[in-house]
Amino acid sequence: MAKNFIELHNARTSEAKARVQARVQRALAEMPLQELQTARRLSQQQLANLLDIEPATIHQLERSTDMYISTLRSHIEAMGGQLDITAHFPDGNVSINQFTQINDKLSNSDLVMSMAS
């Protein structure tokens, strides 16, 4: 007779449960954009509507291995997140913030140019 999942799960040692939880956390921490969109319960159509682009473009972006940081940032923000870029070194991590600063400067200059028109 088959056992249900709860019985099997409860029979595990605390160490085994901790290993499973660690694997789950690693899988959640590292995922492609397409899986992230699915995990956020957003369809390609919904995301395309948020970004004001065609769903086919979402499909292409999710499969791209090379894209602009601003494109990736827009994609992540449309899903309700925030993009942070961190460089990892043996002696510590460094948060890279120049891309945010460039984007802010461009937004401000666009605003100034549109106000001057």
PDB file of N, CA and C in Angstrom:
ATOM      1  N   MET A   1       0.837  -1.179   0.000  1.00  0.00           N
ATOM      2  CA  MET A   1       0.000   0.000   0.000  1.00  0.00           C
ATOM      3  C   MET A   1       0.882   1.241   0.000  1.00  0.00           C
ATOM      4  N   ALA A   2       0.547   2.211  -0.809  1.00  0.00           N
ATOM      5  CA  ALA A   2       1.335   3.439  -0.935  1.00  0.00           C
ATOM      6  C   ALA A   2       1.105   4.353   0.268  1.00  0.00           C
ATOM      7  N   LYS A   3       2.177   5.022   0.665  1.00  0.00           N
ATOM      8  CA  LYS A   3       2.080   5.999   1.755  1.00  0.00           C
ATOM      9  C   LYS A   3       1.859   7.370   1.145  1.00  0.00           C
ATOM     10  N   ASN A   4       1.170   8.235   1.866  1.00  0.00           N
ATOM     11  CA  ASN A   4       1.003   9.576   1.333  1.00  0.00           C
ATOM     12  C   ASN A   4       2.250  10.419   1.617  1.00  0.00           C
ATOM     13  N   PHE A   5       2.353  11.527   0.939  1.00  0.00           N
ATOM     14  CA  PHE A   5       3.547  12.363   1.015  1.00  0.00           C
ATOM     15  C   PHE A   5       3.819  12.845   2.437  1.00  0.00           C
ATOM     16  N   ILE A   6       2.787  13.240   3.160  1.00  0.00           N
ATOM     17  CA  ILE A   6       2.956  13.766   4.521  1.00  0.00           C
ATOM     18  C   ILE A   6       3.613  12.719   5.422  1.00  0.00           C
ATOM     19  N   GLU A   7       3.183  11.467   5.303  1.00  0.00           N
ATOM     20  CA  GLU A   7       3.785  10.407   6.117  1.00  0.00           C
ATOM     21  C   GLU A   7       5.269  10.232   5.775  1.00  0.00           C
ATOM     22  N   LEU A   8       5.566  10.225   4.481  1.00  0.00           N
ATOM     23  CA  LEU A   8       6.965  10.083   4.062  1.00  0.00           C
ATOM     24  C   LEU A   8       7.796  11.274   4.526  1.00  0.00           C
ATOM     25  N   HIS A   9       7.244  12.477   4.371  1.00  0.00           N
ATOM     26  CA  HIS A   9       7.957  13.679   4.777  1.00  0.00           C
ATOM     27  C   HIS A   9       8.217  13.688   6.285  1.00  0.00           C
ATOM     28  N   ASN A  10       7.218  13.323   7.058  1.00  0.00           N
ATOM     29  CA  ASN A  10       7.361  13.313   8.517  1.00  0.00           C
ATOM     30  C   ASN A  10       8.343  12.254   9.001  1.00  0.00           C
ATOM     31  N   ALA A  11       8.541  11.217   8.203  1.00  0.00           N
ATOM     32  CA  ALA A  11       9.467  10.151   8.582  1.00  0.00           C
ATOM     33  C   ALA A  11      10.930  10.534   8.354  1.00  0.00           C
ATOM     34  N   ARG A  12      11.179  11.602   7.629  1.00  0.00           N
ATOM     35  CA  ARG A  12      12.560  12.036   7.358  1.00  0.00           C
ATOM     36  C   ARG A  12      13.206  12.608   8.608  1.00  0.00           C
ATOM     37  N   THR A  13      14.527  12.502   8.622  1.00  0.00           N
ATOM     38  CA  THR A  13      15.276  13.119   9.726  1.00  0.00           C
ATOM     39  C   THR A  13      15.296  14.629   9.530  1.00  0.00           C
ATOM     40  N   SER A  14      15.603  15.357  10.568  1.00  0.00           N
ATOM     41  CA  SER A  14      15.669  16.822  10.446  1.00  0.00           C
ATOM     42  C   SER A  14      16.784  17.232   9.488  1.00  0.00           C
ATOM     43  N   GLU A  15      17.876  16.452   9.424  1.00  0.00           N
ATOM     44  CA  GLU A  15      18.953  16.748   8.490  1.00  0.00           C
ATOM     45  C   GLU A  15      18.484  16.578   7.046  1.00  0.00           C
ATOM     46  N   ALA A  16      17.728  15.544   6.778  1.00  0.00           N
ATOM     47  CA  ALA A  16      17.207  15.315   5.425  1.00  0.00           C
ATOM     48  C   ALA A  16      16.240  16.426   5.038  1.00  0.00           C
ATOM     49  N   LYS A  17      15.395  16.835   5.972  1.00  0.00           N
ATOM     50  CA  LYS A  17      14.465  17.940   5.701  1.00  0.00           C
ATOM     51  C   LYS A  17      15.232  19.227   5.409  1.00  0.00           C
ATOM     52  N   ALA A  18      16.315  19.474   6.128  1.00  0.00           N
ATOM     53  CA  ALA A  18      17.129  20.673   5.916  1.00  0.00           C
ATOM     54  C   ALA A  18      17.789  20.636   4.544  1.00  0.00           C
ATOM     55  N   ARG A  19      18.272  19.460   4.110  1.00  0.00           N
ATOM     56  CA  ARG A  19      18.881  19.334   2.777  1.00  0.00           C
ATOM     57  C   ARG A  19      17.861  19.620   1.679  1.00  0.00           C
ATOM     58  N   VAL A  20      16.651  19.096   1.845  1.00  0.00           N
ATOM     59  CA  VAL A  20      15.599  19.347   0.859  1.00  0.00           C
ATOM     60  C   VAL A  20      15.278  20.841   0.810  1.00  0.00           C
ATOM     61  N   GLN A  21      15.146  21.459   1.973  1.00  0.00           N
ATOM     62  CA  GLN A  21      14.842  22.889   2.023  1.00  0.00           C
ATOM     63  C   GLN A  21      15.946  23.714   1.370  1.00  0.00           C
ATOM     64  N   ALA A  22      17.197  23.338   1.577  1.00  0.00           N
ATOM     65  CA  ALA A  22      18.317  24.052   0.961  1.00  0.00           C
ATOM     66  C   ALA A  22      18.258  23.928  -0.565  1.00  0.00           C
ATOM     67  N   ARG A  23      17.928  22.734  -1.078  1.00  0.00           N
ATOM     68  CA  ARG A  23      17.801  22.548  -2.533  1.00  0.00           C
ATOM     69  C   ARG A  23      16.668  23.388  -3.090  1.00  0.00           C
ATOM     70  N   VAL A  24      15.565  23.452  -2.372  1.00  0.00           N
ATOM     71  CA  VAL A  24      14.431  24.266  -2.813  1.00  0.00           C
ATOM     72  C   VAL A  24      14.843  25.733  -2.870  1.00  0.00           C
ATOM     73  N   GLN A  25      15.530  26.229  -1.852  1.00  0.00           N
ATOM     74  CA  GLN A  25      15.953  27.628  -1.817  1.00  0.00           C
ATOM     75  C   GLN A  25      16.924  27.946  -2.947  1.00  0.00           C
ATOM     76  N   ARG A  26      17.859  27.020  -3.246  1.00  0.00           N
ATOM     77  CA  ARG A  26      18.785  27.224  -4.366  1.00  0.00           C
ATOM     78  C   ARG A  26      18.022  27.294  -5.685  1.00  0.00           C
ATOM     79  N   ALA A  27      17.052  26.426  -5.863  1.00  0.00           N
ATOM     80  CA  ALA A  27      16.266  26.424  -7.107  1.00  0.00           C
ATOM     81  C   ALA A  27      15.480  27.719  -7.248  1.00  0.00           C
ATOM     82  N   LEU A  28      14.952  28.231  -6.145  1.00  0.00           N
ATOM     83  CA  LEU A  28      14.198  29.484  -6.190  1.00  0.00           C
ATOM     84  C   LEU A  28      15.103  30.686  -6.412  1.00  0.00           C
ATOM     85  N   ALA A  29      16.338  30.617  -5.932  1.00  0.00           N
ATOM     86  CA  ALA A  29      17.271  31.741  -6.032  1.00  0.00           C
ATOM     87  C   ALA A  29      17.870  31.877  -7.427  1.00  0.00           C
ATOM     88  N   GLU A  30      17.852  30.800  -8.200  1.00  0.00           N
ATOM     89  CA  GLU A  30      18.466  30.811  -9.526  1.00  0.00           C
ATOM     90  C   GLU A  30      17.468  30.267 -10.531  1.00  0.00           C
ATOM     91  N   MET A  31      16.875  31.161 -11.310  1.00  0.00           N
ATOM     92  CA  MET A  31      15.950  30.688 -12.332  1.00  0.00           C
ATOM     93  C   MET A  31      15.946  31.622 -13.523  1.00  0.00           C
ATOM     94  N   PRO A  32      15.711  31.052 -14.702  1.00  0.00           N
ATOM     95  CA  PRO A  32      15.615  31.877 -15.909  1.00  0.00           C
ATOM     96  C   PRO A  32      14.386  32.778 -15.849  1.00  0.00           C
ATOM     97  N   LEU A  33      14.381  33.821 -16.685  1.00  0.00           N
ATOM     98  CA  LEU A  33      13.269  34.768 -16.704  1.00  0.00           C
ATOM     99  C   LEU A  33      11.924  34.086 -16.945  1.00  0.00           C
ATOM    100  N   GLN A  34      11.896  33.117 -17.847  1.00  0.00           N
ATOM    101  CA  GLN A  34      10.628  32.449 -18.152  1.00  0.00           C
ATOM    102  C   GLN A  34      10.075  31.752 -16.909  1.00  0.00           C
ATOM    103  N   GLU A  35      10.920  31.066 -16.159  1.00  0.00           N
ATOM    104  CA  GLU A  35      10.469  30.393 -14.952  1.00  0.00           C
ATOM    105  C   GLU A  35      10.085  31.410 -13.883  1.00  0.00           C
ATOM    106  N   LEU A  36      10.811  32.532 -13.828  1.00  0.00           N
ATOM    107  CA  LEU A  36      10.479  33.580 -12.869  1.00  0.00           C
ATOM    108  C   LEU A  36       9.100  34.158 -13.167  1.00  0.00           C
ATOM    109  N   GLN A  37       8.827  34.395 -14.432  1.00  0.00           N
ATOM    110  CA  GLN A  37       7.513  34.913 -14.843  1.00  0.00           C
ATOM    111  C   GLN A  37       6.417  33.926 -14.431  1.00  0.00           C
ATOM    112  N   THR A  38       6.645  32.638 -14.649  1.00  0.00           N
ATOM    113  CA  THR A  38       5.674  31.620 -14.275  1.00  0.00           C
ATOM    114  C   THR A  38       5.506  31.560 -12.757  1.00  0.00           C
ATOM    115  N   ALA A  39       6.622  31.632 -12.040  1.00  0.00           N
ATOM    116  CA  ALA A  39       6.562  31.603 -10.576  1.00  0.00           C
ATOM    117  C   ALA A  39       5.817  32.812 -10.023  1.00  0.00           C
ATOM    118  N   ARG A  40       5.890  33.940 -10.731  1.00  0.00           N
ATOM    119  CA  ARG A  40       5.174  35.156 -10.306  1.00  0.00           C
ATOM    120  C   ARG A  40       3.711  35.123 -10.758  1.00  0.00           C
ATOM    121  N   ARG A  41       3.326  34.021 -11.418  1.00  0.00           N
ATOM    122  CA  ARG A  41       1.951  33.817 -11.908  1.00  0.00           C
ATOM    123  C   ARG A  41       1.517  34.898 -12.905  1.00  0.00           C
ATOM    124  N   LEU A  42       2.439  35.205 -13.818  1.00  0.00           N
ATOM    125  CA  LEU A  42       2.155  36.163 -14.890  1.00  0.00           C
ATOM    126  C   LEU A  42       2.233  35.441 -16.230  1.00  0.00           C
ATOM    127  N   SER A  43       1.252  35.653 -17.069  1.00  0.00           N
ATOM    128  CA  SER A  43       1.309  35.106 -18.424  1.00  0.00           C
ATOM    129  C   SER A  43       2.160  36.041 -19.288  1.00  0.00           C
ATOM    130  N   GLN A  44       2.585  35.537 -20.449  1.00  0.00           N
ATOM    131  CA  GLN A  44       3.328  36.399 -21.369  1.00  0.00           C
ATOM    132  C   GLN A  44       2.464  37.583 -21.791  1.00  0.00           C
ATOM    133  N   GLN A  45       1.177  37.345 -21.971  1.00  0.00           N
ATOM    134  CA  GLN A  45       0.266  38.415 -22.377  1.00  0.00           C
ATOM    135  C   GLN A  45       0.177  39.485 -21.292  1.00  0.00           C
ATOM    136  N   GLN A  46       0.056  39.066 -20.036  1.00  0.00           N
ATOM    137  CA  GLN A  46      -0.019  40.036 -18.934  1.00  0.00           C
ATOM    138  C   GLN A  46       1.259  40.862 -18.843  1.00  0.00           C
ATOM    139  N   LEU A  47       2.390  40.194 -18.948  1.00  0.00           N
ATOM    140  CA  LEU A  47       3.672  40.890 -18.878  1.00  0.00           C
ATOM    141  C   LEU A  47       3.832  41.829 -20.071  1.00  0.00           C
ATOM    142  N   ALA A  48       3.439  41.390 -21.242  1.00  0.00           N
ATOM    143  CA  ALA A  48       3.508  42.238 -22.441  1.00  0.00           C
ATOM    144  C   ALA A  48       2.636  43.479 -22.253  1.00  0.00           C
ATOM    145  N   ASN A  49       1.448  43.304 -21.672  1.00  0.00           N
ATOM    146  CA  ASN A  49       0.571  44.451 -21.413  1.00  0.00           C
ATOM    147  C   ASN A  49       1.226  45.436 -20.448  1.00  0.00           C
ATOM    148  N   LEU A  50       1.873  44.914 -19.399  1.00  0.00           N
ATOM    149  CA  LEU A  50       2.549  45.784 -18.430  1.00  0.00           C
ATOM    150  C   LEU A  50       3.688  46.576 -19.063  1.00  0.00           C
ATOM    151  N   LEU A  51       4.380  45.941 -20.006  1.00  0.00           N
ATOM    152  CA  LEU A  51       5.531  46.575 -20.663  1.00  0.00           C
ATOM    153  C   LEU A  51       5.140  47.310 -21.946  1.00  0.00           C
ATOM    154  N   ASP A  52       3.893  47.185 -22.342  1.00  0.00           N
ATOM    155  CA  ASP A  52       3.383  47.805 -23.568  1.00  0.00           C
ATOM    156  C   ASP A  52       4.171  47.341 -24.799  1.00  0.00           C
ATOM    157  N   ILE A  53       4.357  46.010 -24.883  1.00  0.00           N
ATOM    158  CA  ILE A  53       5.036  45.400 -26.026  1.00  0.00           C
ATOM    159  C   ILE A  53       4.239  44.167 -26.453  1.00  0.00           C
ATOM    160  N   GLU A  54       4.625  43.568 -27.556  1.00  0.00           N
ATOM    161  CA  GLU A  54       3.949  42.379 -28.071  1.00  0.00           C
ATOM    162  C   GLU A  54       4.385  41.134 -27.280  1.00  0.00           C
ATOM    163  N   PRO A  55       3.473  40.172 -27.078  1.00  0.00           N
ATOM    164  CA  PRO A  55       3.837  38.932 -26.381  1.00  0.00           C
ATOM    165  C   PRO A  55       5.001  38.195 -27.053  1.00  0.00           C
ATOM    166  N   ALA A  56       5.108  38.286 -28.374  1.00  0.00           N
ATOM    167  CA  ALA A  56       6.233  37.633 -29.074  1.00  0.00           C
ATOM    168  C   ALA A  56       7.572  38.202 -28.616  1.00  0.00           C
ATOM    169  N   THR A  57       7.586  39.489 -28.279  1.00  0.00           N
ATOM    170  CA  THR A  57       8.814  40.117 -27.789  1.00  0.00           C
ATOM    171  C   THR A  57       9.187  39.543 -26.429  1.00  0.00           C
ATOM    172  N   ILE A  58       8.200  39.291 -25.577  1.00  0.00           N
ATOM    173  CA  ILE A  58       8.450  38.659 -24.270  1.00  0.00           C
ATOM    174  C   ILE A  58       9.089  37.301 -24.488  1.00  0.00           C
ATOM    175  N   HIS A  59       8.537  36.543 -25.420  1.00  0.00           N
ATOM    176  CA  HIS A  59       9.065  35.217 -25.741  1.00  0.00           C
ATOM    177  C   HIS A  59      10.544  35.313 -26.143  1.00  0.00           C
ATOM    178  N   GLN A  60      10.868  36.276 -26.995  1.00  0.00           N
ATOM    179  CA  GLN A  60      12.253  36.449 -27.450  1.00  0.00           C
ATOM    180  C   GLN A  60      13.156  36.867 -26.290  1.00  0.00           C
ATOM    181  N   LEU A  61      12.688  37.782 -25.448  1.00  0.00           N
ATOM    182  CA  LEU A  61      13.491  38.243 -24.312  1.00  0.00           C
ATOM    183  C   LEU A  61      13.813  37.101 -23.353  1.00  0.00           C
ATOM    184  N   GLU A  62      12.813  36.264 -23.087  1.00  0.00           N
ATOM    185  CA  GLU A  62      12.997  35.176 -22.131  1.00  0.00           C
ATOM    186  C   GLU A  62      14.012  34.154 -22.609  1.00  0.00           C
ATOM    187  N   ARG A  63      14.218  34.073 -23.883  1.00  0.00           N
ATOM    188  CA  ARG A  63      15.165  33.102 -24.434  1.00  0.00           C
ATOM    189  C   ARG A  63      16.493  33.725 -24.836  1.00  0.00           C
ATOM    190  N   SER A  64      16.611  35.019 -24.631  1.00  0.00           N
ATOM    191  CA  SER A  64      17.825  35.735 -25.012  1.00  0.00           C
ATOM    192  C   SER A  64      18.934  35.481 -23.994  1.00  0.00           C
ATOM    193  N   THR A  65      20.139  35.351 -24.482  1.00  0.00           N
ATOM    194  CA  THR A  65      21.293  35.206 -23.590  1.00  0.00           C
ATOM    195  C   THR A  65      22.067  36.504 -23.469  1.00  0.00           C
ATOM    196  N   ASP A  66      21.646  37.520 -24.217  1.00  0.00           N
ATOM    197  CA  ASP A  66      22.334  38.805 -24.197  1.00  0.00           C
ATOM    198  C   ASP A  66      21.295  39.906 -24.371  1.00  0.00           C
ATOM    199  N   MET A  67      21.186  40.798 -23.383  1.00  0.00           N
ATOM    200  CA  MET A  67      20.233  41.895 -23.484  1.00  0.00           C
ATOM    201  C   MET A  67      20.756  43.101 -22.726  1.00  0.00           C
ATOM    202  N   TYR A  68      20.170  44.244 -23.007  1.00  0.00           N
ATOM    203  CA  TYR A  68      20.525  45.457 -22.294  1.00  0.00           C
ATOM    204  C   TYR A  68      20.083  45.356 -20.839  1.00  0.00           C
ATOM    205  N   ILE A  69      20.855  45.947 -19.965  1.00  0.00           N
ATOM    206  CA  ILE A  69      20.496  45.966 -18.550  1.00  0.00           C
ATOM    207  C   ILE A  69      19.177  46.700 -18.350  1.00  0.00           C
ATOM    208  N   SER A  70      18.937  47.758 -19.116  1.00  0.00           N
ATOM    209  CA  SER A  70      17.683  48.503 -18.979  1.00  0.00           C
ATOM    210  C   SER A  70      16.491  47.634 -19.375  1.00  0.00           C
ATOM    211  N   THR A  71      16.660  46.764 -20.365  1.00  0.00           N
ATOM    212  CA  THR A  71      15.591  45.850 -20.769  1.00  0.00           C
ATOM    213  C   THR A  71      15.301  44.849 -19.663  1.00  0.00           C
ATOM    214  N   LEU A  72      16.347  44.285 -19.105  1.00  0.00           N
ATOM    215  CA  LEU A  72      16.190  43.336 -18.000  1.00  0.00           C
ATOM    216  C   LEU A  72      15.543  44.018 -16.799  1.00  0.00           C
ATOM    217  N   ARG A  73      15.976  45.251 -16.494  1.00  0.00           N
ATOM    218  CA  ARG A  73      15.404  45.991 -15.366  1.00  0.00           C
ATOM    219  C   ARG A  73      13.905  46.206 -15.574  1.00  0.00           C
ATOM    220  N   SER A  74      13.512  46.624 -16.767  1.00  0.00           N
ATOM    221  CA  SER A  74      12.095  46.841 -17.063  1.00  0.00           C
ATOM    222  C   SER A  74      11.294  45.560 -16.889  1.00  0.00           C
ATOM    223  N   HIS A  75      11.841  44.471 -17.367  1.00  0.00           N
ATOM    224  CA  HIS A  75      11.194  43.166 -17.278  1.00  0.00           C
ATOM    225  C   HIS A  75      10.970  42.791 -15.809  1.00  0.00           C
ATOM    226  N   ILE A  76      12.017  42.922 -14.998  1.00  0.00           N
ATOM    227  CA  ILE A  76      11.938  42.576 -13.577  1.00  0.00           C
ATOM    228  C   ILE A  76      10.964  43.500 -12.848  1.00  0.00           C
ATOM    229  N   GLU A  77      11.023  44.801 -13.135  1.00  0.00           N
ATOM    230  CA  GLU A  77      10.132  45.753 -12.478  1.00  0.00           C
ATOM    231  C   GLU A  77       8.676  45.515 -12.853  1.00  0.00           C
ATOM    232  N   ALA A  78       8.414  45.088 -14.087  1.00  0.00           N
ATOM    233  CA  ALA A  78       7.049  44.782 -14.505  1.00  0.00           C
ATOM    234  C   ALA A  78       6.488  43.595 -13.721  1.00  0.00           C
ATOM    235  N   MET A  79       7.380  42.724 -13.260  1.00  0.00           N
ATOM    236  CA  MET A  79       6.955  41.583 -12.442  1.00  0.00           C
ATOM    237  C   MET A  79       6.856  41.947 -10.964  1.00  0.00           C
ATOM    238  N   GLY A  80       7.155  43.206 -10.639  1.00  0.00           N
ATOM    239  CA  GLY A  80       7.058  43.645  -9.249  1.00  0.00           C
ATOM    240  C   GLY A  80       8.356  43.566  -8.476  1.00  0.00           C
ATOM    241  N   GLY A  81       9.463  43.323  -9.178  1.00  0.00           N
ATOM    242  CA  GLY A  81      10.752  43.192  -8.512  1.00  0.00           C
ATOM    243  C   GLY A  81      11.652  44.389  -8.725  1.00  0.00           C
ATOM    244  N   GLN A  82      12.862  44.261  -8.251  1.00  0.00           N
ATOM    245  CA  GLN A  82      13.881  45.297  -8.411  1.00  0.00           C
ATOM    246  C   GLN A  82      15.177  44.599  -8.797  1.00  0.00           C
ATOM    247  N   LEU A  83      15.841  45.101  -9.828  1.00  0.00           N
ATOM    248  CA  LEU A  83      17.080  44.500 -10.289  1.00  0.00           C
ATOM    249  C   LEU A  83      18.262  45.103  -9.547  1.00  0.00           C
ATOM    250  N   ASP A  84      19.058  44.257  -8.933  1.00  0.00           N
ATOM    251  CA  ASP A  84      20.306  44.663  -8.287  1.00  0.00           C
ATOM    252  C   ASP A  84      21.426  43.868  -8.931  1.00  0.00           C
ATOM    253  N   ILE A  85      22.524  44.529  -9.245  1.00  0.00           N
ATOM    254  CA  ILE A  85      23.670  43.852  -9.847  1.00  0.00           C
ATOM    255  C   ILE A  85      24.788  43.837  -8.814  1.00  0.00           C
ATOM    256  N   THR A  86      25.259  42.637  -8.505  1.00  0.00           N
ATOM    257  CA  THR A  86      26.281  42.461  -7.485  1.00  0.00           C
ATOM    258  C   THR A  86      27.449  41.678  -8.054  1.00  0.00           C
ATOM    259  N   ALA A  87      28.648  42.169  -7.823  1.00  0.00           N
ATOM    260  CA  ALA A  87      29.866  41.445  -8.195  1.00  0.00           C
ATOM    261  C   ALA A  87      30.349  40.696  -6.958  1.00  0.00           C
ATOM    262  N   HIS A  88      30.640  39.415  -7.127  1.00  0.00           N
ATOM    263  CA  HIS A  88      31.090  38.582  -6.008  1.00  0.00           C
ATOM    264  C   HIS A  88      32.594  38.342  -6.135  1.00  0.00           C
ATOM    265  N   PHE A  89      33.325  38.687  -5.078  1.00  0.00           N
ATOM    266  CA  PHE A  89      34.764  38.494  -5.020  1.00  0.00           C
ATOM    267  C   PHE A  89      35.092  37.629  -3.801  1.00  0.00           C
ATOM    268  N   PRO A  90      36.276  37.005  -3.788  1.00  0.00           N
ATOM    269  CA  PRO A  90      36.637  36.182  -2.631  1.00  0.00           C
ATOM    270  C   PRO A  90      36.615  36.956  -1.303  1.00  0.00           C
ATOM    271  N   ASP A  91      36.920  38.248  -1.369  1.00  0.00           N
ATOM    272  CA  ASP A  91      36.975  39.015  -0.126  1.00  0.00           C
ATOM    273  C   ASP A  91      35.703  39.819   0.153  1.00  0.00           C
ATOM    274  N   GLY A  92      34.651  39.616  -0.643  1.00  0.00           N
ATOM    275  CA  GLY A  92      33.390  40.301  -0.373  1.00  0.00           C
ATOM    276  C   GLY A  92      32.615  40.611  -1.640  1.00  0.00           C
ATOM    277  N   ASN A  93      31.427  41.128  -1.464  1.00  0.00           N
ATOM    278  CA  ASN A  93      30.536  41.471  -2.571  1.00  0.00           C
ATOM    279  C   ASN A  93      30.471  42.980  -2.746  1.00  0.00           C
ATOM    280  N   VAL A  94      30.277  43.405  -4.008  1.00  0.00           N
ATOM    281  CA  VAL A  94      30.164  44.822  -4.307  1.00  0.00           C
ATOM    282  C   VAL A  94      28.893  45.022  -5.128  1.00  0.00           C
ATOM    283  N   SER A  95      28.027  45.922  -4.677  1.00  0.00           N
ATOM    284  CA  SER A  95      26.824  46.256  -5.421  1.00  0.00           C
ATOM    285  C   SER A  95      27.186  47.279  -6.494  1.00  0.00           C
ATOM    286  N   ILE A  96      26.877  46.967  -7.739  1.00  0.00           N
ATOM    287  CA  ILE A  96      27.178  47.854  -8.861  1.00  0.00           C
ATOM    288  C   ILE A  96      25.977  48.781  -9.049  1.00  0.00           C
ATOM    289  N   ASN A  97      26.207  50.091  -8.903  1.00  0.00           N
ATOM    290  CA  ASN A  97      25.070  51.015  -8.959  1.00  0.00           C
ATOM    291  C   ASN A  97      25.146  51.993 -10.123  1.00  0.00           C
ATOM    292  N   GLN A  98      26.168  51.923 -10.947  1.00  0.00           N
ATOM    293  CA  GLN A  98      26.307  52.913 -12.014  1.00  0.00           C
ATOM    294  C   GLN A  98      25.185  52.820 -13.036  1.00  0.00           C
ATOM    295  N   PHE A  99      24.582  51.636 -13.231  1.00  0.00           N
ATOM    296  CA  PHE A  99      23.523  51.501 -14.228  1.00  0.00           C
ATOM    297  C   PHE A  99      22.259  52.207 -13.771  1.00  0.00           C
ATOM    298  N   THR A 100      21.992  52.177 -12.494  1.00  0.00           N
ATOM    299  CA  THR A 100      20.847  52.913 -11.951  1.00  0.00           C
ATOM    300  C   THR A 100      21.090  54.400 -12.107  1.00  0.00           C
ATOM    301  N   GLN A 101      22.295  54.842 -11.814  1.00  0.00           N
ATOM    302  CA  GLN A 101      22.618  56.259 -11.921  1.00  0.00           C
ATOM    303  C   GLN A 101      22.493  56.735 -13.359  1.00  0.00           C
ATOM    304  N   ILE A 102      22.947  55.931 -14.320  1.00  0.00           N
ATOM    305  CA  ILE A 102      22.841  56.300 -15.730  1.00  0.00           C
ATOM    306  C   ILE A 102      21.374  56.389 -16.119  1.00  0.00           C
ATOM    307  N   ASN A 103      20.587  55.410 -15.705  1.00  0.00           N
ATOM    308  CA  ASN A 103      19.161  55.406 -16.025  1.00  0.00           C
ATOM    309  C   ASN A 103      18.469  56.626 -15.424  1.00  0.00           C
ATOM    310  N   ASP A 104      18.804  56.973 -14.175  1.00  0.00           N
ATOM    311  CA  ASP A 104      18.220  58.155 -13.534  1.00  0.00           C
ATOM    312  C   ASP A 104      18.611  59.417 -14.293  1.00  0.00           C
ATOM    313  N   LYS A 105      19.878  59.512 -14.715  1.00  0.00           N
ATOM    314  CA  LYS A 105      20.341  60.693 -15.451  1.00  0.00           C
ATOM    315  C   LYS A 105      19.616  60.808 -16.787  1.00  0.00           C
ATOM    316  N   LEU A 106      19.438  59.666 -17.478  1.00  0.00           N
ATOM    317  CA  LEU A 106      18.727  59.686 -18.749  1.00  0.00           C
ATOM    318  C   LEU A 106      17.278  60.113 -18.542  1.00  0.00           C
ATOM    319  N   SER A 107      16.641  59.598 -17.512  1.00  0.00           N
ATOM    320  CA  SER A 107      15.253  59.956 -17.229  1.00  0.00           C
ATOM    321  C   SER A 107      15.139  61.437 -16.925  1.00  0.00           C
ATOM    322  N   ASN A 108      16.083  61.963 -16.149  1.00  0.00           N
ATOM    323  CA  ASN A 108      16.063  63.380 -15.806  1.00  0.00           C
ATOM    324  C   ASN A 108      16.325  64.249 -17.034  1.00  0.00           C
ATOM    325  N   SER A 109      17.262  63.830 -17.898  1.00  0.00           N
ATOM    326  CA  SER A 109      17.541  64.630 -19.089  1.00  0.00           C
ATOM    327  C   SER A 109      16.373  64.562 -20.061  1.00  0.00           C
ATOM    328  N   ASP A 110      15.701  63.395 -20.154  1.00  0.00           N
ATOM    329  CA  ASP A 110      14.514  63.282 -20.995  1.00  0.00           C
ATOM    330  C   ASP A 110      13.423  64.213 -20.485  1.00  0.00           C
ATOM    331  N   LEU A 111      13.295  64.288 -19.174  1.00  0.00           N
ATOM    332  CA  LEU A 111      12.283  65.155 -18.572  1.00  0.00           C
ATOM    333  C   LEU A 111      12.590  66.608 -18.863  1.00  0.00           C
ATOM    334  N   VAL A 112      13.860  67.001 -18.711  1.00  0.00           N
ATOM    335  CA  VAL A 112      14.265  68.370 -18.978  1.00  0.00           C
ATOM    336  C   VAL A 112      14.036  68.713 -20.450  1.00  0.00           C
ATOM    337  N   MET A 113      14.391  67.763 -21.359  1.00  0.00           N
ATOM    338  CA  MET A 113      14.220  68.013 -22.790  1.00  0.00           C
ATOM    339  C   MET A 113      12.730  68.132 -23.141  1.00  0.00           C
ATOM    340  N   SER A 114      11.895  67.294 -22.518  1.00  0.00           N
ATOM    341  CA  SER A 114      10.468  67.360 -22.845  1.00  0.00           C
ATOM    342  C   SER A 114       9.838  68.635 -22.271  1.00  0.00           C
ATOM    343  N   MET A 115      10.371  69.124 -21.154  1.00  0.00           N
ATOM    344  CA  MET A 115       9.847  70.351 -20.563  1.00  0.00           C
ATOM    345  C   MET A 115      10.265  71.550 -21.404  1.00  0.00           C
ATOM    346  N   ALA A 116      11.435  71.473 -22.050  1.00  0.00           N
ATOM    347  CA  ALA A 116      11.942  72.584 -22.858  1.00  0.00           C
ATOM    348  C   ALA A 116      11.182  72.691 -24.184  1.00  0.00           C
ATOM    349  N   SER A 117      10.601  71.597 -24.621  1.00  0.00           N
ATOM    350  CA  SER A 117       9.888  71.590 -25.918  1.00  0.00           C
ATOM    351  C   SER A 117       8.594  72.349 -25.861  1.00  0.00           C
TER     352      SER A 117
END
